[in-house]
């Protein structure tokens, strides 16, 4: 004996549900268009980033060849080629706040070096050079090469978005915050930092201070200057070796 079929409900369907059902195809189409647009935009941005990266590589190689040529020309005449003064410094805090005078403590805050093993890029000018002299016993600094800048940005790079430390998972977060400065990808950030470009300040402030590890093998002495065999003060080009041990 078969059971009786369930009676159909004659209750009216709410108007809000009917409107939702009628608008469902339009919403699905709009979502599909949005996804397609995002996919095409991402592909276009990837092509732009690749093109810019290629241009930067050519620019770096050209500058390197030009420098080698100038050095060879000077050597052939029995002279020495003196390179222009560095415009970029990498500053690493190597000491805590114990027995620190308020003035260098304030300078470290201005440099965004609030913790030991934090690192930031600094544009070198008269003012920043004076600041570095004030905090020299508490930091190690020097002139980073392209490899060091790239490794820091790719390995330790985080963005500051709404005062929050945000990982740079793709170029979207860069485009959303730096597009008005024509900075769209990681390679743009590296180029702007390394060449100390016109928007260095904005790009540098976009990067959260780098959090490095204690150096492999430890510091020699954080209370003795680099020129005397320790680690504080100006390392010049040797800062690249120190940061590589901390990265």
C-alpha atoms as a PDB file:
ATOM      1  CA  UNK A   1       0.000   0.000   0.000  1.00  0.00           C
ATOM      2  CA  UNK A   2       1.586   3.257  -1.159  1.00  0.00           C
ATOM      3  CA  UNK A   3       1.639   6.214   1.155  1.00  0.00           C
ATOM      4  CA  UNK A   4      -0.340   9.310   0.241  1.00  0.00           C
ATOM      5  CA  UNK A   5       1.605  12.092  -1.541  1.00  0.00           C
ATOM      6  CA  UNK A   6       2.522  15.054   0.671  1.00  0.00           C
ATOM      7  CA  UNK A   7       0.099  17.924   0.087  1.00  0.00           C
ATOM      8  CA  UNK A   8       1.534  20.908  -1.712  1.00  0.00           C
ATOM      9  CA  UNK A   9       1.906  24.033   0.395  1.00  0.00           C
ATOM     10  CA  UNK A  10      -0.270  26.917  -0.690  1.00  0.00           C
ATOM     11  CA  UNK A  11       1.618  29.422   1.482  1.00  0.00           C
ATOM     12  CA  UNK A  12       2.689  32.502  -0.476  1.00  0.00           C
ATOM     13  CA  UNK A  13       6.425  32.913  -1.166  1.00  0.00           C
ATOM     14  CA  UNK A  14       7.808  36.133   0.375  1.00  0.00           C
ATOM     15  CA  UNK A  15       8.470  38.890  -2.131  1.00  0.00           C
ATOM     16  CA  UNK A  16      12.096  39.233  -0.982  1.00  0.00           C
ATOM     17  CA  UNK A  17      12.768  35.589  -1.911  1.00  0.00           C
ATOM     18  CA  UNK A  18      11.071  36.028  -5.283  1.00  0.00           C
ATOM     19  CA  UNK A  19      13.196  39.094  -6.021  1.00  0.00           C
ATOM     20  CA  UNK A  20      16.319  37.168  -5.003  1.00  0.00           C
ATOM     21  CA  UNK A  21      15.393  34.313  -7.338  1.00  0.00           C
ATOM     22  CA  UNK A  22      14.746  36.712 -10.227  1.00  0.00           C
ATOM     23  CA  UNK A  23      18.036  38.559  -9.684  1.00  0.00           C
ATOM     24  CA  UNK A  24      20.124  35.376  -9.238  1.00  0.00           C
ATOM     25  CA  UNK A  25      21.071  35.029 -12.954  1.00  0.00           C
ATOM     26  CA  UNK A  26      22.063  38.705 -13.134  1.00  0.00           C
ATOM     27  CA  UNK A  27      24.166  38.401  -9.964  1.00  0.00           C
ATOM     28  CA  UNK A  28      25.854  35.265 -11.284  1.00  0.00           C
ATOM     29  CA  UNK A  29      26.650  37.025 -14.567  1.00  0.00           C
ATOM     30  CA  UNK A  30      28.011  40.071 -12.719  1.00  0.00           C
ATOM     31  CA  UNK A  31      30.196  37.831 -10.546  1.00  0.00           C
ATOM     32  CA  UNK A  32      31.500  36.008 -13.609  1.00  0.00           C
ATOM     33  CA  UNK A  33      32.382  39.337 -15.278  1.00  0.00           C
ATOM     34  CA  UNK A  34      34.127  40.510 -12.106  1.00  0.00           C
ATOM     35  CA  UNK A  35      36.204  37.323 -11.907  1.00  0.00           C
ATOM     36  CA  UNK A  36      37.093  37.522 -15.616  1.00  0.00           C
ATOM     37  CA  UNK A  37      38.098  41.180 -15.238  1.00  0.00           C
ATOM     38  CA  UNK A  38      40.260  40.411 -12.200  1.00  0.00           C
ATOM     39  CA  UNK A  39      41.918  37.517 -14.050  1.00  0.00           C
ATOM     40  CA  UNK A  40      42.686  39.686 -17.102  1.00  0.00           C
ATOM     41  CA  UNK A  41      43.950  42.533 -14.927  1.00  0.00           C
ATOM     42  CA  UNK A  42      46.223  40.187 -13.004  1.00  0.00           C
ATOM     43  CA  UNK A  43      47.644  38.803 -16.258  1.00  0.00           C
ATOM     44  CA  UNK A  44      48.195  42.336 -17.589  1.00  0.00           C
ATOM     45  CA  UNK A  45      49.904  43.418 -14.365  1.00  0.00           C
ATOM     46  CA  UNK A  46      52.109  40.334 -14.485  1.00  0.00           C
ATOM     47  CA  UNK A  47      53.191  41.242 -18.022  1.00  0.00           C
ATOM     48  CA  UNK A  48      53.946  44.829 -16.938  1.00  0.00           C
ATOM     49  CA  UNK A  49      55.937  43.588 -13.929  1.00  0.00           C
ATOM     50  CA  UNK A  50      57.960  41.222 -16.136  1.00  0.00           C
ATOM     51  CA  UNK A  51      58.695  44.004 -18.634  1.00  0.00           C
ATOM     52  CA  UNK A  52      59.787  46.397 -15.896  1.00  0.00           C
ATOM     53  CA  UNK A  53      61.966  43.744 -14.258  1.00  0.00           C
ATOM     54  CA  UNK A  54      63.723  43.173 -17.607  1.00  0.00           C
ATOM     55  CA  UNK A  55      64.281  46.915 -18.006  1.00  0.00           C
ATOM     56  CA  UNK A  56      65.736  47.181 -14.500  1.00  0.00           C
ATOM     57  CA  UNK A  57      68.107  44.259 -15.117  1.00  0.00           C
ATOM     58  CA  UNK A  58      69.361  46.008 -18.270  1.00  0.00           C
ATOM     59  CA  UNK A  59      69.743  49.260 -16.334  1.00  0.00           C
ATOM     60  CA  UNK A  60      71.722  47.603 -13.517  1.00  0.00           C
ATOM     61  CA  UNK A  61      74.009  45.799 -15.970  1.00  0.00           C
ATOM     62  CA  UNK A  62      74.584  48.966 -17.986  1.00  0.00           C
ATOM     63  CA  UNK A  63      75.520  50.900 -14.838  1.00  0.00           C
ATOM     64  CA  UNK A  64      77.896  48.117 -13.776  1.00  0.00           C
ATOM     65  CA  UNK A  65      79.583  48.014 -17.195  1.00  0.00           C
ATOM     66  CA  UNK A  66      79.898  51.806 -17.186  1.00  0.00           C
ATOM     67  CA  UNK A  67      81.566  51.742 -13.759  1.00  0.00           C
ATOM     68  CA  UNK A  68      84.020  49.037 -14.850  1.00  0.00           C
ATOM     69  CA  UNK A  69      84.835  51.033 -17.994  1.00  0.00           C
ATOM     70  CA  UNK A  70      85.524  54.209 -15.994  1.00  0.00           C
ATOM     71  CA  UNK A  71      87.784  52.310 -13.587  1.00  0.00           C
ATOM     72  CA  UNK A  72      89.735  50.736 -16.460  1.00  0.00           C
ATOM     73  CA  UNK A  73      90.104  54.077 -18.229  1.00  0.00           C
ATOM     74  CA  UNK A  74      91.445  55.703 -15.058  1.00  0.00           C
ATOM     75  CA  UNK A  75      93.818  52.788 -14.425  1.00  0.00           C
ATOM     76  CA  UNK A  76      95.171  52.951 -17.976  1.00  0.00           C
ATOM     77  CA  UNK A  77      96.175  56.580 -17.295  1.00  0.00           C
ATOM     78  CA  UNK A  78      97.744  55.692 -13.965  1.00  0.00           C
ATOM     79  CA  UNK A  79      94.899  57.224 -11.963  1.00  0.00           C
ATOM     80  CA  UNK A  80      92.174  55.978  -9.642  1.00  0.00           C
ATOM     81  CA  UNK A  81      88.473  56.367 -10.295  1.00  0.00           C
ATOM     82  CA  UNK A  82      86.668  57.713  -7.228  1.00  0.00           C
ATOM     83  CA  UNK A  83      83.053  56.596  -7.085  1.00  0.00           C
ATOM     84  CA  UNK A  84      80.335  59.045  -6.085  1.00  0.00           C
ATOM     85  CA  UNK A  85      79.285  59.086  -2.441  1.00  0.00           C
ATOM     86  CA  UNK A  86      76.689  56.434  -1.506  1.00  0.00           C
ATOM     87  CA  UNK A  87      73.096  57.656  -1.393  1.00  0.00           C
ATOM     88  CA  UNK A  88      71.645  54.635   0.418  1.00  0.00           C
ATOM     89  CA  UNK A  89      72.428  53.096   3.797  1.00  0.00           C
ATOM     90  CA  UNK A  90      71.113  50.004   5.529  1.00  0.00           C
ATOM     91  CA  UNK A  91      70.924  50.442   9.301  1.00  0.00           C
ATOM     92  CA  UNK A  92      70.659  47.488  11.703  1.00  0.00           C
ATOM     93  CA  UNK A  93      70.007  47.972  15.396  1.00  0.00           C
ATOM     94  CA  UNK A  94      72.333  45.729  17.440  1.00  0.00           C
ATOM     95  CA  UNK A  95      71.742  46.865  21.041  1.00  0.00           C
ATOM     96  CA  UNK A  96      68.816  47.327  23.445  1.00  0.00           C
ATOM     97  CA  UNK A  97      67.832  50.392  25.475  1.00  0.00           C
ATOM     98  CA  UNK A  98      69.892  49.656  28.590  1.00  0.00           C
ATOM     99  CA  UNK A  99      71.613  52.851  29.818  1.00  0.00           C
ATOM    100  CA  UNK A 100      70.678  54.691  26.637  1.00  0.00           C
ATOM    101  CA  UNK A 101      70.483  58.491  26.602  1.00  0.00           C
ATOM    102  CA  UNK A 102      67.034  59.883  25.582  1.00  0.00           C
ATOM    103  CA  UNK A 103      68.444  61.618  22.492  1.00  0.00           C
ATOM    104  CA  UNK A 104      69.772  58.514  20.677  1.00  0.00           C
ATOM    105  CA  UNK A 105      66.646  56.666  21.805  1.00  0.00           C
ATOM    106  CA  UNK A 106      64.523  59.281  20.020  1.00  0.00           C
ATOM    107  CA  UNK A 107      66.700  59.035  16.900  1.00  0.00           C
ATOM    108  CA  UNK A 108      66.270  55.247  16.848  1.00  0.00           C
ATOM    109  CA  UNK A 109      62.491  55.770  16.983  1.00  0.00           C
ATOM    110  CA  UNK A 110      62.702  58.217  14.058  1.00  0.00           C
ATOM    111  CA  UNK A 111      64.667  55.590  12.129  1.00  0.00           C
ATOM    112  CA  UNK A 112      61.925  53.062  13.026  1.00  0.00           C
ATOM    113  CA  UNK A 113      64.449  50.838  14.822  1.00  0.00           C
ATOM    114  CA  UNK A 114      62.478  50.003  17.953  1.00  0.00           C
ATOM    115  CA  UNK A 115      63.936  46.542  18.610  1.00  0.00           C
ATOM    116  CA  UNK A 116      67.365  44.857  18.333  1.00  0.00           C
ATOM    117  CA  UNK A 117      67.959  43.142  14.956  1.00  0.00           C
ATOM    118  CA  UNK A 118      65.512  45.472  13.216  1.00  0.00           C
ATOM    119  CA  UNK A 119      66.767  46.993   9.965  1.00  0.00           C
ATOM    120  CA  UNK A 120      65.684  49.869   7.727  1.00  0.00           C
ATOM    121  CA  UNK A 121      66.905  51.672   4.628  1.00  0.00           C
ATOM    122  CA  UNK A 122      67.973  55.295   5.033  1.00  0.00           C
ATOM    123  CA  UNK A 123      68.521  57.953   2.374  1.00  0.00           C
ATOM    124  CA  UNK A 124      71.907  59.501   3.081  1.00  0.00           C
ATOM    125  CA  UNK A 125      72.032  63.283   3.391  1.00  0.00           C
ATOM    126  CA  UNK A 126      73.470  65.748   5.889  1.00  0.00           C
ATOM    127  CA  UNK A 127      70.620  65.283   8.372  1.00  0.00           C
ATOM    128  CA  UNK A 128      70.590  61.476   8.327  1.00  0.00           C
ATOM    129  CA  UNK A 129      74.390  61.309   8.551  1.00  0.00           C
ATOM    130  CA  UNK A 130      74.222  63.378  11.748  1.00  0.00           C
ATOM    131  CA  UNK A 131      71.503  61.081  13.081  1.00  0.00           C
ATOM    132  CA  UNK A 132      73.666  58.024  12.377  1.00  0.00           C
ATOM    133  CA  UNK A 133      76.565  59.588  14.272  1.00  0.00           C
ATOM    134  CA  UNK A 134      74.318  59.991  17.320  1.00  0.00           C
ATOM    135  CA  UNK A 135      73.241  56.333  17.324  1.00  0.00           C
ATOM    136  CA  UNK A 136      76.517  54.831  16.073  1.00  0.00           C
ATOM    137  CA  UNK A 137      77.179  52.869  19.323  1.00  0.00           C
ATOM    138  CA  UNK A 138      73.786  51.140  18.985  1.00  0.00           C
ATOM    139  CA  UNK A 139      73.651  50.274  15.277  1.00  0.00           C
ATOM    140  CA  UNK A 140      75.630  48.699  12.465  1.00  0.00           C
ATOM    141  CA  UNK A 141      75.206  50.392   9.108  1.00  0.00           C
ATOM    142  CA  UNK A 142      76.728  50.465   5.674  1.00  0.00           C
ATOM    143  CA  UNK A 143      76.049  50.574   1.961  1.00  0.00           C
ATOM    144  CA  UNK A 144      73.928  47.673   0.654  1.00  0.00           C
ATOM    145  CA  UNK A 145      74.410  46.207  -2.800  1.00  0.00           C
ATOM    146  CA  UNK A 146      71.606  45.151  -5.122  1.00  0.00           C
ATOM    147  CA  UNK A 147      71.711  41.534  -3.957  1.00  0.00           C
ATOM    148  CA  UNK A 148      71.204  42.548  -0.318  1.00  0.00           C
ATOM    149  CA  UNK A 149      68.283  44.843  -1.161  1.00  0.00           C
ATOM    150  CA  UNK A 150      66.609  42.096  -3.189  1.00  0.00           C
ATOM    151  CA  UNK A 151      67.098  39.426  -0.524  1.00  0.00           C
ATOM    152  CA  UNK A 152      65.702  41.646   2.220  1.00  0.00           C
ATOM    153  CA  UNK A 153      62.603  42.654   0.255  1.00  0.00           C
ATOM    154  CA  UNK A 154      61.854  39.137  -1.003  1.00  0.00           C
ATOM    155  CA  UNK A 155      62.698  37.202   2.182  1.00  0.00           C
ATOM    156  CA  UNK A 156      61.846  39.650   4.957  1.00  0.00           C
ATOM    157  CA  UNK A 157      59.600  42.180   3.240  1.00  0.00           C
ATOM    158  CA  UNK A 158      56.281  43.058   4.866  1.00  0.00           C
ATOM    159  CA  UNK A 159      53.976  45.966   4.048  1.00  0.00           C
ATOM    160  CA  UNK A 160      52.532  48.523   6.434  1.00  0.00           C
ATOM    161  CA  UNK A 161      48.817  48.713   5.619  1.00  0.00           C
ATOM    162  CA  UNK A 162      46.529  50.574   8.019  1.00  0.00           C
ATOM    163  CA  UNK A 163      49.357  50.419  10.576  1.00  0.00           C
ATOM    164  CA  UNK A 164      49.306  46.635  10.379  1.00  0.00           C
ATOM    165  CA  UNK A 165      52.201  44.347   9.394  1.00  0.00           C
ATOM    166  CA  UNK A 166      50.888  42.726   6.216  1.00  0.00           C
ATOM    167  CA  UNK A 167      52.660  39.991   4.210  1.00  0.00           C
ATOM    168  CA  UNK A 168      53.345  40.799   0.557  1.00  0.00           C
ATOM    169  CA  UNK A 169      51.795  37.677  -0.971  1.00  0.00           C
ATOM    170  CA  UNK A 170      51.471  39.185  -4.443  1.00  0.00           C
ATOM    171  CA  UNK A 171      51.673  42.536  -6.207  1.00  0.00           C
ATOM    172  CA  UNK A 172      48.040  43.430  -5.463  1.00  0.00           C
ATOM    173  CA  UNK A 173      48.807  44.944  -2.052  1.00  0.00           C
ATOM    174  CA  UNK A 174      51.598  47.013  -3.644  1.00  0.00           C
ATOM    175  CA  UNK A 175      49.370  48.306  -6.446  1.00  0.00           C
ATOM    176  CA  UNK A 176      46.574  49.211  -4.026  1.00  0.00           C
ATOM    177  CA  UNK A 177      48.872  51.347  -1.879  1.00  0.00           C
ATOM    178  CA  UNK A 178      51.569  52.664  -4.235  1.00  0.00           C
ATOM    179  CA  UNK A 179      49.890  52.906  -7.638  1.00  0.00           C
ATOM    180  CA  UNK A 180      49.777  56.729  -7.422  1.00  0.00           C
ATOM    181  CA  UNK A 181      53.592  56.666  -7.326  1.00  0.00           C
ATOM    182  CA  UNK A 182      53.748  54.344 -10.371  1.00  0.00           C
ATOM    183  CA  UNK A 183      55.004  51.508  -8.142  1.00  0.00           C
ATOM    184  CA  UNK A 184      53.121  48.338  -9.076  1.00  0.00           C
ATOM    185  CA  UNK A 185      55.307  45.347  -8.184  1.00  0.00           C
ATOM    186  CA  UNK A 186      58.125  44.125  -5.957  1.00  0.00           C
ATOM    187  CA  UNK A 187      60.741  44.923  -8.603  1.00  0.00           C
ATOM    188  CA  UNK A 188      59.507  48.541  -8.615  1.00  0.00           C
ATOM    189  CA  UNK A 189      60.049  48.675  -4.844  1.00  0.00           C
ATOM    190  CA  UNK A 190      63.570  47.253  -5.159  1.00  0.00           C
ATOM    191  CA  UNK A 191      64.435  49.730  -7.940  1.00  0.00           C
ATOM    192  CA  UNK A 192      63.052  52.726  -6.047  1.00  0.00           C
ATOM    193  CA  UNK A 193      64.982  51.767  -2.899  1.00  0.00           C
ATOM    194  CA  UNK A 194      68.281  50.822  -4.567  1.00  0.00           C
ATOM    195  CA  UNK A 195      68.413  53.895  -6.811  1.00  0.00           C
ATOM    196  CA  UNK A 196      66.964  56.198  -4.093  1.00  0.00           C
ATOM    197  CA  UNK A 197      64.277  57.294  -6.522  1.00  0.00           C
ATOM    198  CA  UNK A 198      61.907  60.291  -6.268  1.00  0.00           C
ATOM    199  CA  UNK A 199      59.401  58.310  -4.197  1.00  0.00           C
ATOM    200  CA  UNK A 200      61.949  56.663  -1.914  1.00  0.00           C
ATOM    201  CA  UNK A 201      60.309  58.058   1.237  1.00  0.00           C
ATOM    202  CA  UNK A 202      56.825  56.749   0.400  1.00  0.00           C
ATOM    203  CA  UNK A 203      58.096  53.318  -0.698  1.00  0.00           C
ATOM    204  CA  UNK A 204      60.417  52.980   2.305  1.00  0.00           C
ATOM    205  CA  UNK A 205      57.616  53.910   4.715  1.00  0.00           C
ATOM    206  CA  UNK A 206      55.379  51.349   3.004  1.00  0.00           C
ATOM    207  CA  UNK A 207      57.860  48.643   4.003  1.00  0.00           C
ATOM    208  CA  UNK A 208      57.663  47.470   7.596  1.00  0.00           C
ATOM    209  CA  UNK A 209      61.099  47.490   9.316  1.00  0.00           C
ATOM    210  CA  UNK A 210      62.861  44.217   8.540  1.00  0.00           C
ATOM    211  CA  UNK A 211      63.000  41.737  11.407  1.00  0.00           C
ATOM    212  CA  UNK A 212      66.308  39.910  11.138  1.00  0.00           C
ATOM    213  CA  UNK A 213      67.669  36.963  13.091  1.00  0.00           C
ATOM    214  CA  UNK A 214      70.717  37.022  15.320  1.00  0.00           C
ATOM    215  CA  UNK A 215      73.791  36.612  13.076  1.00  0.00           C
ATOM    216  CA  UNK A 216      75.166  33.138  12.510  1.00  0.00           C
ATOM    217  CA  UNK A 217      78.105  32.786  14.890  1.00  0.00           C
ATOM    218  CA  UNK A 218      76.944  35.814  16.888  1.00  0.00           C
ATOM    219  CA  UNK A 219      78.310  39.350  17.063  1.00  0.00           C
ATOM    220  CA  UNK A 220      81.971  39.909  17.838  1.00  0.00           C
ATOM    221  CA  UNK A 221      81.222  42.795  20.219  1.00  0.00           C
ATOM    222  CA  UNK A 222      78.281  45.202  20.084  1.00  0.00           C
ATOM    223  CA  UNK A 223      80.047  47.678  22.378  1.00  0.00           C
ATOM    224  CA  UNK A 224      83.154  48.076  20.200  1.00  0.00           C
ATOM    225  CA  UNK A 225      83.183  49.891  16.869  1.00  0.00           C
ATOM    226  CA  UNK A 226      83.719  48.038  13.601  1.00  0.00           C
ATOM    227  CA  UNK A 227      86.986  49.887  12.967  1.00  0.00           C
ATOM    228  CA  UNK A 228      88.338  48.486  16.250  1.00  0.00           C
ATOM    229  CA  UNK A 229      87.222  44.922  15.632  1.00  0.00           C
ATOM    230  CA  UNK A 230      83.638  45.071  16.937  1.00  0.00           C
ATOM    231  CA  UNK A 231      80.271  45.425  15.228  1.00  0.00           C
ATOM    232  CA  UNK A 232      78.880  48.907  15.899  1.00  0.00           C
ATOM    233  CA  UNK A 233      79.243  51.824  13.526  1.00  0.00           C
ATOM    234  CA  UNK A 234      79.960  52.099   9.816  1.00  0.00           C
ATOM    235  CA  UNK A 235      80.716  48.793   8.055  1.00  0.00           C
ATOM    236  CA  UNK A 236      80.702  50.432   4.614  1.00  0.00           C
ATOM    237  CA  UNK A 237      80.401  47.617   1.996  1.00  0.00           C
ATOM    238  CA  UNK A 238      80.960  44.922   4.650  1.00  0.00           C
ATOM    239  CA  UNK A 239      77.385  45.441   5.868  1.00  0.00           C
ATOM    240  CA  UNK A 240      76.335  43.029   3.115  1.00  0.00           C
ATOM    241  CA  UNK A 241      78.230  40.173   4.784  1.00  0.00           C
ATOM    242  CA  UNK A 242      76.713  40.933   8.188  1.00  0.00           C
ATOM    243  CA  UNK A 243      73.141  41.108   6.878  1.00  0.00           C
ATOM    244  CA  UNK A 244      73.637  37.855   4.952  1.00  0.00           C
ATOM    245  CA  UNK A 245      74.469  36.178   8.284  1.00  0.00           C
ATOM    246  CA  UNK A 246      71.272  37.639   9.765  1.00  0.00           C
ATOM    247  CA  UNK A 247      68.860  37.065   6.869  1.00  0.00           C
END
